Amino acid sequence: MLVHPQFDPIALQIGPLAVRWYGLMYLVGFAAFYVLGRARVKDAWRDLSAKDLEDLLFYGVLGVVIGGRLGFCLFYQPQWFAAHPLDVFKVWQGGMSAHGGMLGVLSVMVAFALSRRKSFWTISDFVTPLVPLGLMAGRLGNFINGELWGRPADPDFPLAMIFPQAGDWVARHPSQLYEAFLEGGVLFVLLWCVSRAPRPAGLVTSLFCLGYGVARFFVEFFREPDSHLGLGLWGLSRGQWLTLPLIGVGLAVLFVSLRRAKRA
């Protein structure tokens, strides 16, 4: 059986300033967005410039951080933050939501499309293939921190791992790595390959919604539910219920995209 390596969550300490691995993973995700985005803006048919990419990155960072934090507060601990509103700003204590981050980025893309008088799908189909590597980096940060561990696993399962942070020394699924692989690596390869050539407007976006939604829904069966939430209706976790609307949006956008392409 494997045992979590118990990484030091602080990557670098300079006097009172502590740089944490989880924060560095966010920087890795943003750097990947910029590097890969520079390669994509070279395609004239995308109708985006290097300046557009830089602006998208700047406002996207705000969308991820603000949306991720507010999403965590509203989706997972609304009662606590309603009673302690100033704790919303204590981001160093942890607590980010992937679904909230996506809503933040969605808001940024809508505002950007309106301000530049471009189609929303032009922006969205450009951005979504650059997101999975950021999701992968975030999940690796969760693994380094030894948080968001999985449900109990058969001790003979090759990937079964003990997370001492759980306090029970039970063999568990390393669900953070499952998410990094599916929501990050697999989804990135799929979207990158599909988006290398012009596609019907919204198609790439729909595949992101479906790919992330299905992967997250599946992995949640191996991830330990939040202790204060447990499992909800029909035995589904909060993460699964939040993911179902995303899958629905993906199916709707895919239907409309293919229908428009057929008419064209």
Protein backbone atom coordinates (compact mmCIF):
# COMPACT_ATOMS: atom_id res chain seq x y z
CA MET A 1 0.00 0.00 0.00
CA LEU A 2 1.18 3.51 -0.81
CA VAL A 3 1.47 6.26 1.77
CA HIS A 4 1.08 9.94 0.94
CA PRO A 5 4.57 11.53 0.96
CA GLN A 6 3.50 14.32 3.32
CA PHE A 7 4.92 17.14 1.25
CA ASP A 8 5.62 20.42 2.96
CA PRO A 9 2.81 22.69 1.62
CA ILE A 10 5.24 25.62 1.70
CA ALA A 11 7.51 25.57 -1.33
CA LEU A 12 9.60 28.59 -0.37
CA GLN A 13 9.95 30.63 2.81
CA ILE A 14 11.51 34.10 2.74
CA GLY A 15 11.23 35.63 6.18
CA PRO A 16 7.52 36.03 6.96
CA LEU A 17 6.62 35.43 3.29
CA ALA A 18 5.56 31.85 2.56
CA VAL A 19 5.05 30.67 -1.03
CA ARG A 20 2.81 27.62 -1.06
CA TRP A 21 2.78 24.86 -3.63
CA TYR A 22 -0.95 25.30 -4.18
CA GLY A 23 -0.44 28.92 -5.18
CA LEU A 24 2.43 27.92 -7.47
CA MET A 25 0.13 25.44 -9.20
CA TYR A 26 -2.20 28.31 -10.08
CA LEU A 27 0.76 30.14 -11.59
CA VAL A 28 1.65 27.04 -13.60
CA GLY A 29 -1.89 26.91 -14.95
CA PHE A 30 -1.86 30.58 -15.94
CA ALA A 31 1.58 30.20 -17.55
CA ALA A 32 0.34 27.23 -19.60
CA PHE A 33 -2.65 29.30 -20.70
CA TYR A 34 -0.37 32.06 -21.98
CA VAL A 35 2.23 29.84 -23.68
CA LEU A 36 -0.34 27.68 -25.46
CA GLY A 37 -2.49 30.70 -26.23
CA ARG A 38 0.41 32.38 -28.01
CA ALA A 39 0.62 29.37 -30.31
CA ARG A 40 -3.11 29.52 -31.04
CA VAL A 41 -3.43 33.25 -31.82
CA LYS A 42 -1.09 32.73 -34.77
CA ASP A 43 -4.02 31.16 -36.62
CA ALA A 44 -5.71 34.04 -38.44
CA TRP A 45 -9.09 32.27 -38.52
CA ARG A 46 -9.35 32.53 -34.73
CA ASP A 47 -9.77 36.33 -35.04
CA LEU A 48 -7.78 37.05 -31.86
CA SER A 49 -4.51 38.90 -31.31
CA ALA A 50 -1.68 38.59 -28.81
CA LYS A 51 -3.08 41.67 -27.05
CA ASP A 52 -6.46 39.95 -26.76
CA LEU A 53 -4.73 36.94 -25.22
CA GLU A 54 -2.96 39.08 -22.62
CA ASP A 55 -6.18 40.82 -21.68
CA LEU A 56 -8.02 37.52 -21.44
CA LEU A 57 -5.33 36.17 -19.15
CA PHE A 58 -5.38 39.23 -16.88
CA TYR A 59 -9.15 39.28 -16.46
CA GLY A 60 -9.31 35.50 -16.43
CA VAL A 61 -7.05 35.40 -13.37
CA LEU A 62 -9.50 37.68 -11.58
CA GLY A 63 -12.41 35.52 -12.71
CA VAL A 64 -10.78 32.31 -11.47
CA VAL A 65 -9.77 33.69 -8.08
CA ILE A 66 -12.91 35.68 -7.31
CA GLY A 67 -15.31 33.15 -8.82
CA GLY A 68 -13.52 30.21 -7.22
CA ARG A 69 -13.60 31.79 -3.77
CA LEU A 70 -17.21 32.97 -3.96
CA GLY A 71 -18.26 29.64 -5.39
CA PHE A 72 -16.73 27.82 -2.42
CA CYS A 73 -18.45 30.15 0.02
CA LEU A 74 -21.87 29.87 -1.64
CA PHE A 75 -21.86 26.24 -2.74
CA TYR A 76 -20.14 24.50 0.16
CA GLN A 77 -20.33 26.61 3.35
CA PRO A 78 -23.05 29.27 2.88
CA GLN A 79 -24.19 29.22 6.52
CA TRP A 80 -20.69 29.77 7.87
CA PHE A 81 -19.86 32.66 5.58
CA ALA A 82 -23.26 34.24 6.09
CA ALA A 83 -22.44 34.37 9.80
CA HIS A 84 -18.77 35.31 9.24
CA PRO A 85 -18.75 37.45 6.05
CA LEU A 86 -15.21 38.76 6.58
CA ASP A 87 -13.89 35.20 6.32
CA VAL A 88 -14.63 35.37 2.59
CA PHE A 89 -11.42 37.36 2.24
CA LYS A 90 -9.26 34.87 4.16
CA VAL A 91 -8.15 33.05 1.03
CA TRP A 92 -4.91 31.91 2.71
CA GLN A 93 -7.02 29.54 4.78
CA GLY A 94 -7.96 27.66 1.61
CA GLY A 95 -11.29 27.00 -0.04
CA MET A 96 -11.77 27.30 -3.80
CA SER A 97 -14.46 25.83 -6.05
CA ALA A 98 -13.77 24.66 -9.60
CA HIS A 99 -17.42 25.30 -10.53
CA GLY A 100 -17.21 28.82 -9.09
CA GLY A 101 -13.99 29.46 -11.01
CA MET A 102 -15.72 28.41 -14.23
CA LEU A 103 -18.59 30.80 -13.56
CA GLY A 104 -16.03 33.55 -12.96
CA VAL A 105 -14.30 32.80 -16.27
CA LEU A 106 -17.69 32.64 -18.02
CA SER A 107 -18.47 36.15 -16.76
CA VAL A 108 -15.11 37.37 -18.03
CA MET A 109 -15.65 35.86 -21.48
CA VAL A 110 -19.11 37.41 -21.80
CA ALA A 111 -17.82 40.84 -20.79
CA PHE A 112 -14.79 40.51 -23.07
CA ALA A 113 -16.89 39.47 -26.08
CA LEU A 114 -19.23 42.44 -25.58
CA SER A 115 -16.42 44.96 -25.09
CA ARG A 116 -14.52 43.77 -28.19
CA ARG A 117 -17.68 43.22 -30.25
CA LYS A 118 -16.77 39.63 -30.95
CA SER A 119 -18.85 36.47 -30.89
CA PHE A 120 -18.97 34.83 -27.49
CA TRP A 121 -18.25 31.48 -29.15
CA THR A 122 -15.10 32.87 -30.73
CA ILE A 123 -13.81 33.67 -27.26
CA SER A 124 -15.14 30.54 -25.57
CA ASP A 125 -13.91 28.08 -28.20
CA PHE A 126 -10.48 29.70 -27.94
CA VAL A 127 -10.29 29.67 -24.14
CA THR A 128 -11.73 26.27 -23.19
CA PRO A 129 -8.89 24.09 -24.62
CA LEU A 130 -6.45 26.10 -22.49
CA VAL A 131 -8.31 25.43 -19.24
CA PRO A 132 -7.71 21.70 -18.56
CA LEU A 133 -4.00 22.06 -17.82
CA GLY A 134 -4.89 24.64 -15.18
CA LEU A 135 -7.38 22.17 -13.70
CA MET A 136 -4.66 19.53 -13.70
CA ALA A 137 -2.25 21.84 -11.89
CA GLY A 138 -4.87 22.64 -9.27
CA ARG A 139 -5.55 18.96 -8.56
CA LEU A 140 -1.84 18.28 -8.26
CA GLY A 141 -1.77 21.09 -5.72
CA ASN A 142 -4.54 19.33 -3.79
CA PHE A 143 -2.49 16.13 -3.83
CA ILE A 144 0.64 17.90 -2.60
CA ASN A 145 -1.38 19.36 0.25
CA GLY A 146 -2.82 15.93 1.04
CA GLU A 147 -6.38 17.28 0.90
CA LEU A 148 -9.60 16.23 -0.83
CA TRP A 149 -8.60 12.59 -0.53
CA GLY A 150 -10.68 9.73 -1.88
CA ARG A 151 -13.07 7.23 -0.40
CA PRO A 152 -11.86 3.98 1.19
CA ALA A 153 -10.33 1.55 -1.29
CA ASP A 154 -9.42 -2.11 -1.29
CA PRO A 155 -5.93 -2.30 0.28
CA ASP A 156 -4.88 -4.61 -2.57
CA PHE A 157 -5.77 -1.99 -5.19
CA PRO A 158 -2.45 -0.90 -6.80
CA LEU A 159 -3.16 2.83 -6.31
CA ALA A 160 -4.60 2.54 -2.79
CA MET A 161 -2.96 5.14 -0.60
CA ILE A 162 -3.01 6.10 3.06
CA PHE A 163 -3.50 9.80 3.74
CA PRO A 164 -2.26 10.46 7.31
CA GLN A 165 -4.13 13.80 7.19
CA ALA A 166 -7.41 11.84 7.26
CA GLY A 167 -6.49 10.62 10.73
CA ASP A 168 -7.77 7.07 10.26
CA TRP A 169 -4.98 5.27 8.36
CA VAL A 170 -7.49 3.77 5.96
CA ALA A 171 -6.45 2.89 2.40
CA ARG A 172 -8.08 5.40 0.07
CA HIS A 173 -8.33 6.31 -3.60
CA PRO A 174 -5.97 9.15 -4.61
CA SER A 175 -8.92 10.91 -6.24
CA GLN A 176 -6.91 14.10 -6.76
CA LEU A 177 -4.72 12.21 -9.24
CA TYR A 178 -7.76 10.69 -10.95
CA GLU A 179 -9.13 14.19 -11.49
CA ALA A 180 -5.78 15.53 -12.67
CA PHE A 181 -5.59 12.76 -15.25
CA LEU A 182 -9.18 12.89 -16.55
CA GLU A 183 -10.18 16.56 -16.12
CA GLY A 184 -6.67 17.70 -17.00
CA GLY A 185 -4.64 15.43 -19.26
CA VAL A 186 -7.32 13.51 -21.15
CA LEU A 187 -9.60 16.51 -21.61
CA PHE A 188 -6.71 18.71 -22.77
CA VAL A 189 -5.63 16.22 -25.46
CA LEU A 190 -9.22 15.86 -26.69
CA LEU A 191 -9.94 19.60 -26.91
CA TRP A 192 -6.53 20.49 -28.32
CA CYS A 193 -6.88 17.97 -31.16
CA VAL A 194 -10.45 18.96 -31.97
CA SER A 195 -9.72 22.70 -31.93
CA ARG A 196 -6.69 22.60 -34.24
CA ALA A 197 -8.97 23.23 -37.23
CA PRO A 198 -12.05 25.45 -37.67
CA ARG A 199 -15.15 23.89 -36.11
CA PRO A 200 -18.82 24.91 -35.85
CA ALA A 201 -19.24 27.74 -33.35
CA GLY A 202 -19.70 26.40 -29.84
CA LEU A 203 -18.61 22.84 -30.62
CA VAL A 204 -15.33 23.01 -28.68
CA THR A 205 -17.09 24.69 -25.75
CA SER A 206 -19.75 21.97 -25.66
CA LEU A 207 -17.07 19.26 -25.59
CA PHE A 208 -15.38 20.99 -22.67
CA CYS A 209 -18.63 21.14 -20.70
CA LEU A 210 -19.42 17.51 -21.43
CA GLY A 211 -15.86 16.28 -20.91
CA TYR A 212 -15.33 18.05 -17.61
CA GLY A 213 -18.84 17.29 -16.42
CA VAL A 214 -18.67 13.56 -17.11
CA ALA A 215 -15.12 13.23 -15.72
CA ARG A 216 -15.97 15.14 -12.53
CA PHE A 217 -19.23 13.24 -12.04
CA PHE A 218 -17.39 9.92 -12.42
CA VAL A 219 -14.47 10.74 -10.12
CA GLU A 220 -16.80 11.98 -7.40
CA PHE A 221 -17.73 8.32 -6.82
CA PHE A 222 -14.13 7.83 -5.62
CA ARG A 223 -13.75 11.13 -3.76
CA GLU A 224 -14.62 11.46 -0.08
CA PRO A 225 -17.56 13.88 0.31
CA ASP A 226 -17.02 16.95 2.46
CA SER A 227 -17.53 15.91 6.08
CA HIS A 228 -20.02 18.70 6.77
CA LEU A 229 -22.07 17.89 3.65
CA GLY A 230 -21.97 14.14 3.16
CA LEU A 231 -24.02 12.69 0.33
CA GLY A 232 -27.24 14.29 -0.83
CA LEU A 233 -30.32 13.17 -2.73
CA TRP A 234 -29.96 9.80 -4.50
CA GLY A 235 -26.55 9.33 -2.88
CA LEU A 236 -24.89 12.00 -5.03
CA SER A 237 -22.30 14.43 -3.70
CA ARG A 238 -22.52 18.22 -3.86
CA GLY A 239 -19.90 18.20 -6.62
CA GLN A 240 -22.03 15.84 -8.71
CA TRP A 241 -25.16 17.94 -8.32
CA LEU A 242 -23.20 21.05 -9.33
CA THR A 243 -21.86 19.19 -12.37
CA LEU A 244 -25.21 18.02 -13.75
CA PRO A 245 -26.21 21.50 -15.04
CA LEU A 246 -22.84 21.74 -16.81
CA ILE A 247 -23.50 18.46 -18.61
CA GLY A 248 -26.95 19.74 -19.58
CA VAL A 249 -25.46 22.96 -20.97
CA GLY A 250 -22.90 20.94 -22.91
CA LEU A 251 -25.59 18.79 -24.52
CA ALA A 252 -27.70 21.83 -25.42
CA VAL A 253 -24.77 23.75 -26.94
CA LEU A 254 -23.66 20.65 -28.86
CA PHE A 255 -27.15 20.20 -30.32
CA VAL A 256 -27.41 23.86 -31.38
CA SER A 257 -23.86 23.89 -32.77
CA LEU A 258 -24.36 20.82 -34.94
CA ARG A 259 -27.78 22.02 -36.08
CA ARG A 260 -26.34 25.36 -37.20
CA ALA A 261 -23.51 23.59 -39.00
CA LYS A 262 -25.98 21.34 -40.81
CA ARG A 263 -28.01 24.35 -41.97
CA ALA A 264 -24.87 26.11 -43.15
